[in-house]
Amino acid sequence: MHCKLQTKKLKNKKTRKMKKIIKSDGKSYIFDTELKTMEEVEVDEAAEEVVETTEEVVEEDNDENLTDEVDAVTSKIMKDLGIAELKSKMADLSSKIESSSKVSELINFEKLMKKSVNEMTAKEKIVGFFQAIVQSNHAVMKALSEGTPADGGYLFPDEFRAEIIRDIADTPHMRNEVTIIPMKRDVMNIPTLDSGPQVTWTNENAAKSTTTAHFSQKTLTVKKMAAILYASDELIEDSTEIDVVKFIIQLFSEAIGNEEDAVITAGNGTTQPTGYSTATIASVACSGNLDFDDMINLEYLLPAKYNRGAKFYAHRNNIREMRKIKDSNNRYLWMDSVAPGQPATFHGFPVVEDNNLPESEIYFGDLKKAYWLGDRQMMTVKISNDTETAFTHDQTAIRVVSRIAGNVVLEAALRKLNSIP
């Protein structure tokens, strides 16, 4: 609100005192310098020019003092009308709108959610679902969710879950070293062949001997893994931007990927999937310090048919020792990667660093044949602002639950060297 002041000198023919006309918000006032009052009057343009009617004009009051008095009265009027307070609030509101894009973000979000789910792109579903999470918009979460699990929460849309899994697969993780089995139920029984059929030769018209293949069974049992992220209110305010949502996805994928690495390698088999290092695997003992003979013994302990896909799996400290090993001609058996993305090799076989392994063991074999990771393909999310940490720090707790299973299904495809000093 803007107050415009217009002043004109008036000469009263009786008192010969100075007066001024003040205009504010379309109204006119006459300020009396003697009485220190202002009176609202109707003054048209012709009446604003007051003509003197006396023969002599008295000396005029000091303009500077008069202006100060007018300003003081004007300030009082603006205060009584609440003009100053209103202007302050409008300025504050304007500043907030300019400094934050949240208002426009909410408008864009509402516009986005007017689309049907089938009309939305994968990017829109991802951003829309995350926005619904942080705004606790259960109607939108339900609309975009792939269903509601029995234990509550909401299932991630396929597009959101796929981004998390893709990010795990794009980085060096143990998920890339094993076979992924999609699971539609929480328990899957897998028949495995312990021994194949026996082949015999017989004479013409002679009786054929019978043969039997022996099968056993492995079980994949789904276990729940939870990851909690505390997202700040500032981060949430920018969550309509795909780059911010991708950042959130990267945080979750890193946490989930690291935990998958741990259980694929060393899971206890009860509250976690069974890790390949906790299964019963045929082994050969290391005698003394790790040397070339130990590694040769490990390689030849593995049946030849699994050599094609075989790799070494070792802790970083053991890899350091492997790099020092030489053959009988004093040549290093270690060879660095020859191309980006390709692993280093030892004696011609790729080497994978797995720091979840104990330093007393080195594994060799085809882990894709030996280990299956059951992927339940159900990833749920729950949100809360009620935790002490979330409330006191202006944060939203986002809890993601992933369901996986894991077990060694073919022990013959993996061997280990143990008791390394």
Protein backbone atom coordinates (compact mmCIF):
# COMPACT_ATOMS: atom_id res chain seq x y z
CA MET A 1 0.00 0.00 0.00
CA HIS A 2 1.41 3.38 -0.99
CA CYS A 3 0.53 6.70 0.64
CA LYS A 4 1.05 9.74 -1.56
CA LEU A 5 1.18 13.12 0.05
CA GLN A 6 0.39 16.31 -1.81
CA THR A 7 0.84 19.66 -0.05
CA LYS A 8 -0.46 23.13 -0.89
CA LYS A 9 -0.20 26.35 1.13
CA LEU A 10 -3.42 27.93 2.33
CA LYS A 11 -3.77 31.50 3.66
CA ASN A 12 -6.68 32.10 5.97
CA LYS A 13 -7.95 35.65 5.63
CA LYS A 14 -8.90 35.82 9.34
CA THR A 15 -6.11 34.08 11.19
CA ARG A 16 -3.59 34.41 8.37
CA LYS A 17 -2.11 31.03 9.51
CA MET A 18 -0.68 28.42 7.16
CA LYS A 19 -2.66 25.30 6.28
CA LYS A 20 -2.00 22.37 3.97
CA ILE A 21 -4.12 19.97 1.98
CA ILE A 22 -3.06 16.32 2.40
CA LYS A 23 -4.24 13.55 0.07
CA SER A 24 -3.97 9.91 1.16
CA ASP A 25 -5.70 6.86 -0.33
CA GLY A 26 -8.15 8.98 -2.33
CA LYS A 27 -9.20 11.14 0.65
CA SER A 28 -8.37 14.78 1.41
CA TYR A 29 -7.46 16.30 4.74
CA ILE A 30 -6.75 19.88 5.92
CA PHE A 31 -3.94 20.16 8.42
CA ASP A 32 -4.25 23.06 10.89
CA THR A 33 -0.80 24.08 12.18
CA GLU A 34 -2.20 26.01 15.10
CA LEU A 35 -4.55 23.31 16.42
CA LYS A 36 -2.37 20.43 15.28
CA THR A 37 -5.38 18.65 13.83
CA MET A 38 -6.42 17.15 10.54
CA GLU A 39 -9.95 17.26 9.22
CA GLU A 40 -11.28 15.24 6.33
CA VAL A 41 -12.90 17.46 3.73
CA GLU A 42 -14.15 17.25 0.21
CA VAL A 43 -11.79 19.28 -1.90
CA ASP A 44 -12.03 19.40 -5.66
CA GLU A 45 -9.25 20.50 -7.95
CA ALA A 46 -10.54 24.12 -8.08
CA ALA A 47 -10.80 24.43 -4.31
CA GLU A 48 -7.23 23.26 -3.87
CA GLU A 49 -5.99 26.62 -5.12
CA VAL A 50 -6.95 28.97 -2.25
CA VAL A 51 -6.77 32.66 -3.19
CA GLU A 52 -5.81 35.33 -0.65
CA THR A 53 -8.54 37.85 0.15
CA THR A 54 -6.63 40.35 2.27
CA GLU A 55 -4.47 43.17 1.22
CA GLU A 56 -1.41 42.09 3.14
CA VAL A 57 0.18 38.69 3.43
CA VAL A 58 1.75 37.80 6.72
CA GLU A 59 5.14 36.15 6.86
CA GLU A 60 4.82 32.44 6.13
CA ASP A 61 5.74 29.76 8.63
CA ASN A 62 8.99 27.92 8.20
CA ASP A 63 8.41 25.21 5.55
CA GLU A 64 10.86 22.79 7.19
CA ASN A 65 9.07 22.84 10.55
CA LEU A 66 5.72 22.51 8.86
CA THR A 67 6.89 19.46 6.87
CA ASP A 68 8.07 17.74 10.07
CA GLU A 69 4.71 18.29 11.69
CA VAL A 70 2.87 16.95 8.65
CA ASP A 71 5.08 13.87 8.56
CA ALA A 72 4.42 13.19 12.24
CA VAL A 73 0.66 13.36 11.79
CA THR A 74 0.85 11.24 8.62
CA SER A 75 2.79 8.57 10.49
CA LYS A 76 0.15 8.55 13.22
CA ILE A 77 -2.61 8.09 10.65
CA MET A 78 -0.74 5.23 8.96
CA LYS A 79 -0.19 3.59 12.33
CA ASP A 80 -3.87 3.93 13.32
CA LEU A 81 -4.93 2.43 9.99
CA GLY A 82 -2.39 -0.42 10.30
CA ILE A 83 -0.82 0.55 6.97
CA ALA A 84 2.78 0.04 8.15
CA GLU A 85 2.05 -3.41 9.58
CA LEU A 86 0.24 -4.44 6.40
CA LYS A 87 3.12 -3.26 4.22
CA SER A 88 5.57 -5.24 6.39
CA LYS A 89 3.53 -8.43 6.09
CA MET A 90 3.21 -8.02 2.33
CA ALA A 91 6.97 -7.51 2.00
CA ASP A 92 7.64 -10.61 4.12
CA LEU A 93 5.24 -12.70 2.03
CA SER A 94 6.82 -11.45 -1.18
CA SER A 95 10.27 -12.35 0.12
CA LYS A 96 9.18 -15.87 1.02
CA ILE A 97 7.62 -16.47 -2.38
CA GLU A 98 10.73 -15.26 -4.15
CA SER A 99 13.15 -17.23 -1.97
CA SER A 100 11.35 -20.58 -2.23
CA SER A 101 9.86 -22.45 -5.14
CA LYS A 102 7.75 -24.67 -2.90
CA VAL A 103 4.49 -22.97 -3.88
CA SER A 104 5.09 -23.56 -7.57
CA GLU A 105 6.33 -27.09 -6.82
CA LEU A 106 3.08 -27.92 -5.06
CA ILE A 107 1.11 -26.51 -7.97
CA ASN A 108 3.15 -28.61 -10.40
CA PHE A 109 2.64 -31.68 -8.21
CA GLU A 110 -1.11 -31.16 -8.16
CA LYS A 111 -1.09 -30.73 -11.93
CA LEU A 112 0.95 -33.90 -12.31
CA MET A 113 -1.40 -35.96 -10.18
CA LYS A 114 -4.37 -34.99 -12.34
CA LYS A 115 -3.00 -37.47 -14.88
CA SER A 116 -4.08 -41.08 -14.72
CA VAL A 117 -1.40 -43.59 -13.73
CA ASN A 118 -1.36 -45.02 -17.24
CA GLU A 119 -0.63 -41.57 -18.70
CA MET A 120 2.37 -40.92 -16.47
CA THR A 121 5.93 -41.51 -17.64
CA ALA A 122 8.38 -43.56 -15.56
CA LYS A 123 10.04 -40.32 -14.42
CA GLU A 124 6.70 -38.82 -13.37
CA LYS A 125 5.79 -41.95 -11.40
CA ILE A 126 9.13 -41.92 -9.58
CA VAL A 127 8.94 -38.22 -8.68
CA GLY A 128 5.21 -38.37 -7.94
CA PHE A 129 5.56 -41.37 -5.62
CA PHE A 130 8.45 -39.80 -3.71
CA GLN A 131 6.54 -36.52 -3.39
CA ALA A 132 3.58 -38.46 -2.04
CA ILE A 133 5.89 -40.15 0.47
CA VAL A 134 7.32 -36.94 1.90
CA GLN A 135 3.91 -35.20 1.91
CA SER A 136 2.22 -38.23 3.52
CA ASN A 137 -0.28 -38.23 0.68
CA HIS A 138 -1.66 -41.73 1.17
CA ALA A 139 -4.20 -41.43 -1.64
CA VAL A 140 -1.46 -40.81 -4.21
CA MET A 141 0.81 -43.47 -2.73
CA LYS A 142 -2.02 -45.97 -2.96
CA ALA A 143 -2.80 -44.98 -6.55
CA LEU A 144 0.83 -45.35 -7.67
CA SER A 145 1.61 -48.37 -5.48
CA GLU A 146 1.67 -51.88 -6.90
CA GLY A 147 -0.39 -53.03 -3.94
CA THR A 148 -0.48 -53.02 -0.14
CA PRO A 149 1.55 -55.67 1.72
CA ALA A 150 0.11 -57.49 4.71
CA ASP A 151 2.44 -55.72 7.17
CA GLY A 152 1.37 -52.26 6.05
CA GLY A 153 3.13 -49.57 4.08
CA TYR A 154 3.07 -49.29 0.31
CA LEU A 155 4.79 -51.25 -2.44
CA PHE A 156 7.15 -49.21 -4.57
CA PRO A 157 6.05 -48.78 -8.18
CA ASP A 158 8.04 -51.06 -10.48
CA GLU A 159 9.76 -48.02 -11.97
CA PHE A 160 11.01 -46.83 -8.55
CA ARG A 161 12.21 -50.26 -7.45
CA ALA A 162 13.86 -50.87 -10.83
CA GLU A 163 15.92 -47.68 -10.40
CA ILE A 164 17.23 -48.88 -7.03
CA ILE A 165 18.11 -52.36 -8.35
CA ARG A 166 19.65 -50.90 -11.53
CA ASP A 167 21.87 -48.63 -9.46
CA ILE A 168 23.05 -51.64 -7.41
CA ALA A 169 23.79 -53.61 -10.57
CA ASP A 170 25.71 -50.71 -12.14
CA THR A 171 28.28 -50.72 -9.33
CA PRO A 172 30.57 -53.56 -8.20
CA HIS A 173 28.36 -55.62 -5.90
CA MET A 174 28.06 -59.34 -5.15
CA ARG A 175 24.59 -59.31 -6.75
CA ASN A 176 26.42 -59.24 -10.07
CA GLU A 177 28.42 -62.37 -9.17
CA VAL A 178 25.50 -64.70 -8.42
CA THR A 179 22.39 -65.97 -10.17
CA ILE A 180 19.23 -63.92 -9.53
CA ILE A 181 16.04 -65.96 -9.17
CA PRO A 182 12.70 -64.03 -9.24
CA MET A 183 10.42 -65.26 -6.45
CA LYS A 184 6.65 -64.87 -6.30
CA ARG A 185 6.34 -66.44 -2.85
CA ASP A 186 8.35 -66.35 0.36
CA VAL A 187 9.69 -69.93 0.13
CA MET A 188 11.03 -71.71 -2.93
CA ASN A 189 12.24 -75.33 -2.97
CA ILE A 190 14.92 -76.07 -5.56
CA PRO A 191 15.70 -79.66 -6.66
CA THR A 192 19.42 -80.22 -7.14
CA LEU A 193 21.14 -83.16 -8.82
CA ASP A 194 23.67 -84.89 -6.53
CA SER A 195 24.71 -87.53 -9.05
CA GLY A 196 23.74 -87.98 -12.67
CA PRO A 197 22.53 -91.10 -14.48
CA GLN A 198 25.11 -93.85 -15.03
CA VAL A 199 25.75 -94.99 -18.62
CA THR A 200 26.47 -98.66 -19.41
CA TRP A 201 27.22 -100.67 -22.54
CA THR A 202 25.23 -103.82 -23.38
CA ASN A 203 25.19 -106.45 -26.10
CA GLU A 204 22.50 -106.59 -28.77
CA ASN A 205 19.20 -107.92 -27.37
CA ALA A 206 20.74 -108.12 -23.90
CA ALA A 207 18.95 -106.82 -20.84
CA LYS A 208 19.64 -103.18 -20.03
CA SER A 209 20.68 -102.27 -16.51
CA THR A 210 18.65 -99.62 -14.75
CA THR A 211 20.12 -96.38 -13.47
CA THR A 212 18.92 -93.84 -10.98
CA ALA A 213 19.64 -90.13 -10.66
CA HIS A 214 19.85 -88.89 -7.08
CA PHE A 215 18.22 -85.56 -6.26
CA SER A 216 18.25 -83.45 -3.15
CA GLN A 217 16.53 -80.18 -2.37
CA LYS A 218 17.66 -76.66 -1.49
CA THR A 219 15.37 -74.04 -0.06
CA LEU A 220 15.30 -70.29 -0.60
CA THR A 221 13.55 -68.56 2.30
CA VAL A 222 12.86 -64.84 2.05
CA LYS A 223 14.26 -62.57 4.77
CA LYS A 224 13.37 -58.91 5.34
CA MET A 225 16.01 -56.20 5.22
CA ALA A 226 15.20 -52.62 6.24
CA ALA A 227 16.99 -49.36 5.44
CA ILE A 228 16.00 -46.07 7.09
CA LEU A 229 16.84 -42.65 5.66
CA TYR A 230 16.24 -39.42 7.60
CA ALA A 231 15.47 -36.80 4.95
CA SER A 232 15.71 -33.14 5.97
CA ASP A 233 12.84 -30.75 5.33
CA GLU A 234 15.11 -28.75 3.01
CA LEU A 235 15.83 -31.84 0.93
CA ILE A 236 12.15 -32.69 0.80
CA GLU A 237 11.25 -29.20 -0.44
CA ASP A 238 13.38 -29.81 -3.54
CA SER A 239 12.09 -33.33 -4.11
CA THR A 240 10.10 -32.48 -7.24
CA GLU A 241 13.41 -32.35 -9.11
CA ILE A 242 14.43 -35.69 -10.62
CA ASP A 243 18.09 -35.11 -9.68
CA VAL A 244 17.16 -34.93 -5.99
CA VAL A 245 15.05 -38.09 -6.23
CA LYS A 246 17.92 -39.87 -7.99
CA PHE A 247 20.15 -38.83 -5.12
CA ILE A 248 17.70 -40.43 -2.68
CA ILE A 249 17.64 -43.57 -4.84
CA GLN A 250 21.45 -43.71 -4.82
CA LEU A 251 21.49 -43.49 -1.03
CA PHE A 252 19.06 -46.39 -0.71
CA SER A 253 20.75 -48.49 -3.40
CA GLU A 254 24.14 -48.03 -1.73
CA ALA A 255 22.79 -49.08 1.66
CA ILE A 256 20.84 -52.05 0.27
CA GLY A 257 23.71 -53.10 -2.01
CA ASN A 258 26.24 -53.06 0.82
CA GLU A 259 23.97 -55.15 3.04
CA GLU A 260 23.32 -57.61 0.21
CA ASP A 261 27.08 -57.97 -0.21
CA ALA A 262 27.44 -58.83 3.46
CA VAL A 263 24.73 -61.52 3.54
CA ILE A 264 25.60 -63.10 0.18
CA THR A 265 29.09 -63.64 1.55
CA ALA A 266 28.58 -64.26 5.26
CA GLY A 267 24.83 -64.40 6.00
CA ASN A 268 23.98 -66.54 9.05
CA GLY A 269 21.20 -68.54 7.36
CA THR A 270 18.68 -67.88 10.15
CA THR A 271 17.72 -64.21 10.35
CA GLN A 272 19.63 -63.61 7.12
CA PRO A 273 20.14 -65.49 3.84
CA THR A 274 22.88 -68.11 3.91
CA GLY A 275 26.25 -66.76 2.80
CA TYR A 276 28.57 -68.79 0.59
CA SER A 277 31.32 -68.62 3.23
CA THR A 278 29.00 -70.10 5.88
CA ALA A 279 27.94 -73.08 3.72
CA THR A 280 29.70 -76.45 3.70
CA ILE A 281 32.32 -76.15 0.94
CA ALA A 282 35.12 -78.60 0.16
CA SER A 283 38.49 -77.10 1.05
CA VAL A 284 42.23 -77.51 0.95
CA ALA A 285 44.53 -76.32 3.72
CA CYS A 286 47.25 -73.76 3.29
CA SER A 287 50.66 -74.89 4.56
CA GLY A 288 52.80 -72.07 5.87
CA ASN A 289 52.79 -68.73 4.07
CA LEU A 290 50.57 -68.34 1.03
CA ASP A 291 52.49 -69.39 -2.08
CA PHE A 292 52.13 -70.64 -5.64
CA ASP A 293 51.71 -74.29 -4.59
CA ASP A 294 48.72 -73.41 -2.39
CA MET A 295 47.00 -71.61 -5.23
CA ILE A 296 47.62 -74.47 -7.65
CA ASN A 297 46.13 -76.92 -5.13
CA LEU A 298 43.04 -74.71 -4.85
CA GLU A 299 42.61 -74.46 -8.61
CA TYR A 300 42.81 -78.21 -9.12
CA LEU A 301 40.41 -78.95 -6.28
CA LEU A 302 37.64 -77.46 -8.44
CA PRO A 303 36.14 -79.86 -11.03
CA ALA A 304 37.37 -78.88 -14.51
CA LYS A 305 33.84 -78.34 -15.88
CA TYR A 306 33.48 -75.23 -13.67
CA ASN A 307 36.75 -73.60 -14.78
CA ARG A 308 35.12 -71.65 -17.60
CA GLY A 309 33.30 -69.30 -15.21
CA ALA A 310 35.69 -69.59 -12.26
CA LYS A 311 37.00 -66.58 -10.30
CA PHE A 312 39.01 -65.99 -7.15
CA TYR A 313 37.20 -64.33 -4.22
CA ALA A 314 39.46 -62.91 -1.54
CA HIS A 315 39.79 -60.25 1.15
CA ARG A 316 41.87 -57.21 0.25
CA ASN A 317 44.71 -58.28 2.57
CA ASN A 318 44.95 -61.66 0.83
CA ILE A 319 44.89 -59.98 -2.58
CA ARG A 320 47.94 -58.01 -1.48
CA GLU A 321 49.76 -61.31 -0.85
CA MET A 322 48.51 -62.82 -4.10
CA ARG A 323 50.04 -59.94 -6.03
CA LYS A 324 53.48 -60.92 -4.66
CA ILE A 325 53.36 -64.59 -5.69
CA LYS A 326 55.68 -65.67 -8.51
CA ASP A 327 55.95 -68.88 -10.52
CA SER A 328 59.05 -71.08 -10.79
CA ASN A 329 60.43 -68.72 -13.47
CA ASN A 330 60.16 -65.75 -11.09
CA ARG A 331 57.22 -64.26 -13.00
CA TYR A 332 54.38 -62.59 -11.15
CA LEU A 333 51.10 -64.48 -11.49
CA TRP A 334 49.11 -61.29 -11.00
CA MET A 335 48.09 -59.25 -14.06
CA ASP A 336 46.40 -55.87 -13.81
CA SER A 337 43.26 -55.09 -15.76
CA VAL A 338 43.94 -54.60 -19.47
CA ALA A 339 40.76 -52.55 -20.11
CA PRO A 340 38.39 -50.36 -18.09
CA GLY A 341 35.72 -52.41 -16.37
CA GLN A 342 37.71 -55.62 -16.66
CA PRO A 343 38.98 -57.31 -13.46
CA ALA A 344 42.60 -58.07 -12.70
CA THR A 345 43.58 -61.73 -13.05
CA PHE A 346 45.65 -64.23 -11.10
CA HIS A 347 47.08 -67.13 -13.09
CA GLY A 348 44.58 -66.24 -15.83
CA PHE A 349 41.45 -66.21 -13.63
CA PRO A 350 39.57 -63.01 -12.64
CA VAL A 351 39.92 -61.81 -9.05
CA VAL A 352 37.02 -60.27 -7.08
CA GLU A 353 37.74 -58.33 -3.89
CA ASP A 354 35.26 -59.36 -1.18
CA ASN A 355 36.06 -57.75 2.15
CA ASN A 356 33.21 -59.55 3.90
CA LEU A 357 35.28 -62.74 3.70
CA PRO A 358 37.51 -63.72 6.60
CA GLU A 359 41.22 -63.25 5.94
CA SER A 360 41.76 -66.95 6.67
CA GLU A 361 39.97 -68.05 3.47
CA ILE A 362 40.26 -67.66 -0.31
CA TYR A 363 37.48 -69.00 -2.56
CA PHE A 364 37.72 -70.22 -6.16
CA GLY A 365 34.89 -71.33 -8.42
CA ASP A 366 31.86 -70.39 -10.52
CA LEU A 367 29.70 -68.48 -8.05
CA LYS A 368 26.86 -68.01 -10.56
CA LYS A 369 26.36 -71.76 -10.61
CA ALA A 370 27.05 -72.20 -6.91
CA TYR A 371 24.87 -69.45 -5.40
CA TRP A 372 21.32 -68.30 -6.08
CA LEU A 373 19.88 -65.03 -4.79
CA GLY A 374 16.11 -65.11 -4.51
CA ASP A 375 14.58 -61.71 -5.32
CA ARG A 376 11.07 -61.44 -3.91
CA GLN A 377 10.46 -58.35 -6.08
CA MET A 378 8.57 -56.66 -3.27
CA MET A 379 10.03 -53.44 -1.91
CA THR A 380 7.85 -51.53 0.52
CA VAL A 381 8.08 -48.09 2.10
CA LYS A 382 6.81 -46.59 5.34
CA ILE A 383 7.16 -43.00 6.53
CA SER A 384 7.14 -41.34 9.93
CA ASN A 385 7.71 -37.94 11.53
CA ASP A 386 7.03 -39.24 15.03
CA THR A 387 10.47 -40.55 15.97
CA GLU A 388 12.45 -38.38 18.38
CA THR A 389 15.24 -37.85 15.86
CA ALA A 390 12.88 -36.93 13.04
CA PHE A 391 10.78 -34.50 15.10
CA THR A 392 13.61 -32.63 16.82
CA HIS A 393 15.65 -32.24 13.64
CA ASP A 394 12.82 -31.38 11.21
CA GLN A 395 13.25 -34.63 9.33
CA THR A 396 11.09 -37.34 7.79
CA ALA A 397 12.04 -40.98 8.44
CA ILE A 398 11.68 -43.07 5.27
CA ARG A 399 11.88 -46.82 5.92
CA VAL A 400 12.41 -49.12 2.93
CA VAL A 401 12.03 -52.89 3.32
CA SER A 402 13.52 -55.28 0.78
CA ARG A 403 12.92 -59.04 0.70
CA ILE A 404 15.62 -61.42 -0.53
CA ALA A 405 16.69 -65.03 -0.06
CA GLY A 406 20.04 -66.68 -0.69
CA ASN A 407 21.70 -70.07 -0.51
CA VAL A 408 24.44 -72.21 -2.02
CA VAL A 409 22.62 -74.58 -4.38
CA LEU A 410 25.63 -76.29 -5.97
CA GLU A 411 28.57 -76.79 -3.61
CA ALA A 412 30.59 -78.60 -6.28
CA ALA A 413 31.03 -75.37 -8.24
CA LEU A 414 32.96 -73.68 -5.41
CA ARG A 415 36.11 -74.53 -3.43
CA LYS A 416 38.13 -72.77 -0.73
CA LEU A 417 41.65 -72.48 0.64
CA ASN A 418 41.60 -72.07 4.39
CA SER A 419 43.80 -71.62 7.44
CA ILE A 420 45.83 -68.89 5.79
CA PRO A 421 48.28 -67.54 8.42
